[in-house]
Protein backbone atom coordinates (compact mmCIF):
# COMPACT_ATOMS: atom_id res chain seq x y z
CA MET A 1 120.23 -0.44 175.69
CA ASN A 2 123.69 -2.52 176.08
CA ARG A 3 126.85 -0.66 176.80
CA MET A 4 129.23 -0.31 174.55
CA ARG A 5 127.58 -1.97 171.54
CA ALA A 6 129.11 1.11 169.38
CA PHE A 7 130.80 0.36 166.54
CA SER A 8 129.29 -2.73 165.47
CA MET A 9 127.10 -3.13 162.94
CA CYS A 10 124.38 -1.35 164.84
CA GLY A 11 126.73 0.55 166.42
CA PHE A 12 123.98 3.97 166.06
CA THR A 13 122.01 1.56 168.62
CA ALA A 14 124.60 2.24 171.38
CA LEU A 15 125.32 6.29 171.40
CA ALA A 16 122.74 5.95 175.29
CA SER A 17 126.00 4.52 176.38
CA LEU A 18 127.54 7.77 176.00
CA ALA A 19 125.43 9.38 178.43
CA PHE A 20 126.38 7.65 181.50
CA PHE A 21 130.13 9.29 180.78
CA ALA A 22 129.33 12.11 179.67
CA SER A 23 126.08 13.90 181.82
CA ARG A 24 125.57 17.50 181.61
CA SER A 25 124.49 19.73 184.20
CA ASP A 26 122.81 21.01 181.69
CA ALA A 27 121.05 18.54 179.69
CA GLN A 28 117.10 18.28 180.21
CA PRO A 29 115.93 14.67 178.51
CA GLU A 30 112.63 14.64 177.16
CA THR A 31 112.19 18.08 177.42
CA THR A 32 110.94 20.80 174.89
CA ARG A 33 111.84 24.51 175.28
CA PRO A 34 111.72 27.22 172.80
CA ILE A 35 114.82 28.41 170.59
CA VAL A 36 113.46 31.19 168.95
CA GLU A 37 109.56 32.29 167.88
CA GLY A 38 108.20 29.13 166.61
CA VAL A 39 111.25 26.83 166.73
CA TRP A 40 111.33 24.10 169.65
CA PHE A 41 114.17 21.97 170.99
CA ARG A 42 113.05 18.84 172.10
CA GLU A 43 115.89 17.11 173.46
CA GLY A 44 115.74 12.81 173.68
CA ASP A 45 116.78 10.85 176.42
CA LEU A 46 119.76 9.41 175.08
CA LYS A 47 121.15 7.77 178.51
CA THR A 48 117.71 5.66 179.04
CA HIS A 49 115.77 5.20 175.21
CA GLY A 50 118.95 6.02 173.21
CA HIS A 51 116.54 8.80 171.40
CA CYS A 52 118.27 11.84 169.14
CA ASN A 53 117.09 15.63 169.51
CA ASN A 54 113.86 16.31 167.39
CA ILE A 55 113.32 20.47 166.27
CA ILE A 56 109.95 21.27 165.88
CA ILE A 57 109.57 23.89 163.18
CA GLU A 58 106.01 25.80 162.71
CA MET A 59 105.03 27.28 159.75
CA LYS A 60 102.19 28.48 158.32
CA ASP A 61 99.34 25.76 158.37
CA TYR A 62 101.33 22.91 159.44
CA LEU A 63 104.74 21.58 161.36
CA ILE A 64 108.25 20.54 159.96
CA VAL A 65 109.83 18.05 162.69
CA VAL A 66 113.67 17.30 161.99
CA ASP A 67 114.25 13.75 162.33
CA ALA A 68 112.11 10.51 162.71
CA ASN A 69 113.74 9.38 166.24
CA PHE A 70 113.12 5.47 167.03
CA PRO A 71 109.23 4.50 167.16
CA SER A 72 109.39 5.21 170.95
CA GLY A 73 110.69 8.78 170.47
CA ALA A 74 109.11 9.64 167.45
CA ARG A 75 105.54 9.27 169.18
CA LEU A 76 107.16 11.21 172.33
CA ALA A 77 108.09 14.12 169.59
CA LEU A 78 104.57 13.98 168.50
CA ALA A 79 103.08 13.80 171.29
CA ASP A 80 104.80 17.59 172.54
CA ALA A 81 104.94 18.87 168.69
CA LYS A 82 100.67 18.59 169.52
CA LYS A 83 101.30 20.07 173.03
CA VAL A 84 102.98 23.37 170.98
CA SER A 85 100.87 23.84 168.13
CA SER A 86 97.54 22.44 166.95
CA LYS A 87 98.76 22.55 163.33
CA PRO A 88 99.92 19.07 161.74
CA VAL A 89 103.36 17.58 161.50
CA LYS A 90 103.49 17.60 157.63
CA TYR A 91 106.77 16.87 157.21
CA VAL A 92 109.67 14.55 159.05
CA PHE A 93 113.26 15.24 158.16
CA ASP A 94 115.59 12.43 158.48
CA THR A 95 119.14 14.07 158.63
CA HIS A 96 120.53 10.59 157.83
CA HIS A 97 119.40 6.49 158.02
CA HIS A 98 120.61 5.69 161.33
CA GLY A 99 118.01 4.27 163.10
CA ASP A 100 117.79 6.81 166.31
CA HIS A 101 117.09 9.03 163.55
CA ALA A 102 115.25 7.24 161.16
CA TYR A 103 113.37 4.32 162.76
CA GLY A 104 110.33 6.50 163.76
CA ASN A 105 109.62 6.73 159.92
CA ALA A 106 106.32 4.29 159.68
CA VAL A 107 104.75 6.14 163.30
CA TRP A 108 105.31 9.52 161.45
CA THR A 109 104.04 8.16 157.92
CA GLU A 110 100.50 6.51 160.29
CA ALA A 111 100.15 9.53 161.61
CA GLY A 112 99.71 11.44 157.97
CA ALA A 113 103.29 12.95 158.13
CA THR A 114 105.27 12.51 155.05
CA THR A 115 109.34 12.17 155.68
CA LEU A 116 111.77 13.68 153.97
CA ALA A 117 115.49 13.15 153.24
CA TYR A 118 118.43 14.16 151.54
CA LYS A 119 118.43 11.05 148.22
CA GLY A 120 121.61 9.40 150.26
CA VAL A 121 119.56 8.30 153.26
CA ALA A 122 117.68 6.22 150.90
CA ASP A 123 120.51 4.63 149.05
CA GLU A 124 121.70 4.08 152.83
CA MET A 125 118.84 2.17 153.59
CA LYS A 126 119.31 -0.36 150.90
CA ARG A 127 123.42 -0.50 151.61
CA TYR A 128 123.20 -1.51 155.37
CA GLU A 129 118.72 -2.91 155.71
CA PRO A 130 117.66 -4.87 156.63
CA ALA A 131 120.05 -6.25 158.33
CA ARG A 132 120.38 -3.60 160.97
CA TRP A 133 116.70 -3.27 161.49
CA GLN A 134 116.37 -6.42 162.09
CA ASP A 135 119.42 -6.95 164.63
CA THR A 136 117.80 -3.64 166.29
CA ALA A 137 114.47 -4.87 166.48
CA LYS A 138 116.11 -8.22 168.67
CA THR A 139 117.15 -5.50 171.39
CA ARG A 140 114.30 -2.66 170.58
CA LYS A 141 110.65 -3.12 171.82
CA ASP A 142 110.14 -0.25 169.98
CA VAL A 143 111.65 -1.66 167.00
CA GLY A 144 110.29 -5.28 167.21
CA ASP A 145 106.86 -4.10 168.16
CA LEU A 146 106.26 -2.71 164.38
CA LYS A 147 106.31 -6.15 163.37
CA ARG A 148 108.34 -4.44 159.88
CA ASP A 149 110.64 -6.46 158.01
CA THR A 150 112.73 -3.38 157.53
CA ALA A 151 112.94 -0.08 157.95
CA GLU A 152 110.74 2.23 156.53
CA PRO A 153 112.53 4.93 154.07
CA PRO A 154 111.70 8.57 153.60
CA LYS A 155 108.49 8.89 151.24
CA GLN A 156 110.29 11.95 149.66
CA THR A 157 113.52 13.27 148.78
CA PHE A 158 115.59 15.39 146.69
CA ASP A 159 118.61 15.36 144.87
CA GLY A 160 121.07 18.21 144.60
CA LYS A 161 122.82 20.26 147.20
CA LYS A 162 119.85 22.47 148.81
CA PHE A 163 115.61 21.93 148.93
CA VAL A 164 113.45 24.35 150.41
CA LEU A 165 109.85 24.94 151.68
CA LYS A 166 108.59 28.50 151.96
CA ASP A 167 105.05 30.34 152.69
CA GLU A 168 104.74 33.74 153.86
CA THR A 169 106.01 33.38 157.48
CA ARG A 170 109.02 31.11 157.22
CA THR A 171 111.31 29.57 154.81
CA VAL A 172 113.12 26.65 155.72
CA GLU A 173 116.39 25.00 153.89
CA PHE A 174 117.61 21.52 153.35
CA HIS A 175 121.26 21.16 152.82
CA PHE A 176 123.57 18.64 151.44
CA PHE A 177 127.28 19.77 152.13
CA GLY A 178 128.61 16.06 151.17
CA TRP A 179 129.83 12.78 152.72
CA ALA A 180 130.33 13.45 156.98
CA HIS A 181 128.92 11.70 159.40
CA THR A 182 127.19 9.50 156.53
CA ARG A 183 126.51 9.53 152.78
CA GLY A 184 123.06 11.24 153.21
CA ASP A 185 124.06 13.64 155.55
CA GLY A 186 121.05 16.09 155.71
CA PHE A 187 121.16 19.57 157.12
CA VAL A 188 117.78 21.83 158.22
CA TYR A 189 118.63 26.01 158.36
CA LEU A 190 116.10 29.08 159.01
CA PRO A 191 118.12 31.93 157.26
CA LYS A 192 116.55 34.22 159.18
CA GLU A 193 116.21 33.12 162.29
CA GLN A 194 119.59 31.90 161.96
CA VAL A 195 118.79 28.18 163.38
CA LEU A 196 120.74 25.46 161.87
CA CYS A 197 119.87 21.71 162.60
CA THR A 198 122.91 19.17 162.12
CA GLY A 199 121.51 15.82 163.12
CA ASP A 200 124.49 14.25 163.79
CA ALA A 201 127.06 15.96 161.53
CA VAL A 202 127.78 18.43 164.37
CA VAL A 203 126.85 17.11 167.90
CA ASN A 204 127.62 18.64 170.60
CA GLY A 205 129.87 16.55 173.31
CA PRO A 206 131.09 12.46 172.61
CA TYR A 207 129.12 11.85 170.50
CA ASN A 208 130.22 11.05 167.10
CA TYR A 209 130.54 7.66 165.58
CA THR A 210 132.55 7.49 162.78
CA ALA A 211 132.17 3.95 161.43
CA ASP A 212 130.07 4.88 158.43
CA ALA A 213 132.07 8.38 158.23
CA ASN A 214 134.22 9.73 155.82
CA ILE A 215 136.60 11.08 158.46
CA GLY A 216 138.81 12.74 156.01
CA ASN A 217 135.71 14.96 154.79
CA TRP A 218 134.31 15.70 157.48
CA PRO A 219 135.66 18.96 158.15
CA ASN A 220 135.06 20.08 154.89
CA VAL A 221 131.36 18.89 155.73
CA VAL A 222 131.28 21.26 158.63
CA LYS A 223 133.33 24.08 156.85
CA ALA A 224 130.54 24.21 154.13
CA ALA A 225 127.65 24.80 157.15
CA GLN A 226 130.44 27.06 158.67
CA LYS A 227 129.84 29.49 155.60
CA LEU A 228 125.85 30.28 156.88
CA LYS A 229 125.27 32.44 159.46
CA VAL A 230 124.55 30.89 162.28
CA LYS A 231 123.51 32.15 165.68
CA HIS A 232 121.80 29.12 167.18
CA LEU A 233 123.36 25.76 166.65
CA LEU A 234 120.51 22.80 167.68
CA PRO A 235 122.61 19.01 167.66
CA GLY A 236 121.23 15.62 166.79
CA HIS A 237 123.11 14.67 170.30
CA GLY A 238 123.97 16.82 173.10
CA VAL A 239 122.67 20.82 174.27
CA PRO A 240 121.71 23.38 172.02
CA GLY A 241 125.06 26.11 171.03
CA GLY A 242 126.36 28.54 168.40
CA PRO A 243 128.91 28.95 166.06
CA GLU A 244 131.27 27.30 168.12
CA VAL A 245 130.46 23.86 168.03
CA LEU A 246 131.07 24.12 164.58
CA GLU A 247 134.35 24.95 164.91
CA GLY A 248 135.28 22.54 167.95
CA GLU A 249 133.65 19.86 165.97
CA LYS A 250 135.63 20.47 162.77
CA GLN A 251 138.82 20.54 164.97
CA PHE A 252 138.21 17.35 166.39
CA MET A 253 138.17 15.71 163.53
CA LEU A 254 141.04 17.28 162.09
CA ALA A 255 142.90 16.22 165.44
CA LEU A 256 141.54 12.94 165.43
CA ARG A 257 143.02 12.25 161.92
CA LYS A 258 146.05 14.48 161.95
CA THR A 259 147.24 12.09 165.41
CA VAL A 260 146.81 9.01 164.13
CA ALA A 261 148.36 10.00 160.80
CA ASP A 262 151.55 11.22 162.98
CA ALA A 263 151.44 7.82 164.37
CA ILE A 264 151.62 6.54 161.49
CA LYS A 265 153.94 7.78 160.00
CA LYS A 266 156.29 6.76 163.22
CA GLY A 267 155.46 3.46 162.38
CA LYS A 268 152.94 2.43 164.91
CA LYS A 269 150.53 -0.53 164.31
CA MET A 270 146.89 -0.72 164.97
CA GLU A 271 147.61 -2.63 167.56
CA ASP A 272 150.09 -0.01 169.65
CA LEU A 273 147.01 2.79 169.18
CA VAL A 274 144.26 0.63 170.06
CA THR A 275 143.68 -1.90 173.00
CA MET A 276 140.91 -4.62 171.38
CA ASP A 277 138.77 -7.06 173.77
CA GLY A 278 137.69 -9.42 171.12
CA LYS A 279 136.08 -7.06 168.26
CA THR A 280 135.76 -4.35 170.48
CA PRO A 281 137.74 -1.12 170.73
CA LYS A 282 138.57 -0.98 174.98
CA ALA A 283 141.44 1.38 175.60
CA THR A 284 143.56 3.63 173.62
CA SER A 285 147.40 5.34 173.63
CA VAL A 286 146.44 8.01 171.43
CA LYS A 287 145.74 11.40 173.15
CA LEU A 288 143.80 14.25 171.69
CA PRO A 289 143.60 18.65 172.42
CA ASP A 290 142.26 19.61 175.39
CA SER A 291 140.58 21.92 172.94
CA VAL A 292 138.91 19.13 171.81
CA LYS A 293 137.76 17.46 174.91
CA ASN A 294 133.96 18.39 174.53
CA TRP A 295 134.18 15.62 171.70
CA VAL A 296 136.39 13.28 173.94
CA GLY A 297 134.61 10.62 175.62
CA ASP A 298 133.87 6.81 176.02
CA PHE A 299 134.07 6.17 171.79
CA LEU A 300 137.43 7.62 171.59
CA PRO A 301 139.16 3.69 170.87
CA ALA A 302 137.11 3.44 167.90
CA GLN A 303 137.24 6.30 166.43
CA VAL A 304 140.94 5.93 166.59
CA ARG A 305 140.60 2.48 164.87
CA ASP A 306 138.98 3.62 162.45
CA ALA A 307 141.17 6.98 161.56
CA TYR A 308 143.77 4.03 161.49
CA GLU A 309 141.76 1.85 158.83
CA GLU A 310 140.63 5.23 156.77
CA ILE A 311 144.31 6.18 156.30
CA THR A 312 146.20 3.14 156.06
CA GLN A 313 143.32 1.84 153.57
CA LYS A 314 143.29 5.12 151.99
CA LYS A 315 139.50 4.88 151.20
CA PRO A 316 136.26 6.30 153.41
CA HIS A 317 135.73 3.68 156.37
CA GLY A 318 132.43 3.69 155.29
CA ASP A 319 133.39 2.30 152.44
CA ILE A 320 135.63 -0.45 154.46
CA ALA A 321 133.77 -3.56 154.61
CA HIS A 322 133.71 -5.39 158.12
């Protein structure tokens, strides 16, 4: 993984670089731990391999896995799923289209699982692929070794706001609350257990990637998720938490957009706020409140740039051509 490749066309692959700046004493990369009975949280090795987190949910006769991960992460998650249960993985839910959450799709379907997502995930793949896949294959051996021309889209999608899988042991809800991190952000919710899996729409730490985002709408998406009763929050990156992580994510996005908007009102230009190294944002003069410092990290210069462009061009940053 190259450090600071974030916010390029394939910037989502660079999240691993953040771990150099945001190591946490409670992090347990590549380990699987129980959250409630029949639900396990697998923390991906972000620093070394760029892996996202996975969640394993046990139903009566099968397993559901949240996020396909990169191919190497998919194989590790599949192996760990076999360790915690003898039941087969029937569904793998892509919370969004980014490579560290969906490029392992082919590994799972070859193992007999059905990949599932909100329809916006498939739409995003049509929008950005095969360019991102082919670019990533140049730097990630696990992607290149699949010998595919493009990413495999989810095999099954749902439209509308909610899709439900249910049996006599558990109910699992799949929600779409709107465009935040991507146009296809999906949440997985277990109402009885009050477990919410958020993908990258809510992260626990400085892992927010805003290039494909709707920064202005992001707090509204989190606010919708807050209407659910949440005891255990399992993020796409970072360690598990509770409902306070939802509030922190929301406040970070509100503070980011407001601080940049206030600077624009004072006549500040992009070059006043962000120092560039070629096309890469390297530093920023913007300071955010200490109350959201958990979400502030090395990506802040790029987040400020994206917020500035979104506000001045009056459209979601994900709709701005680069």
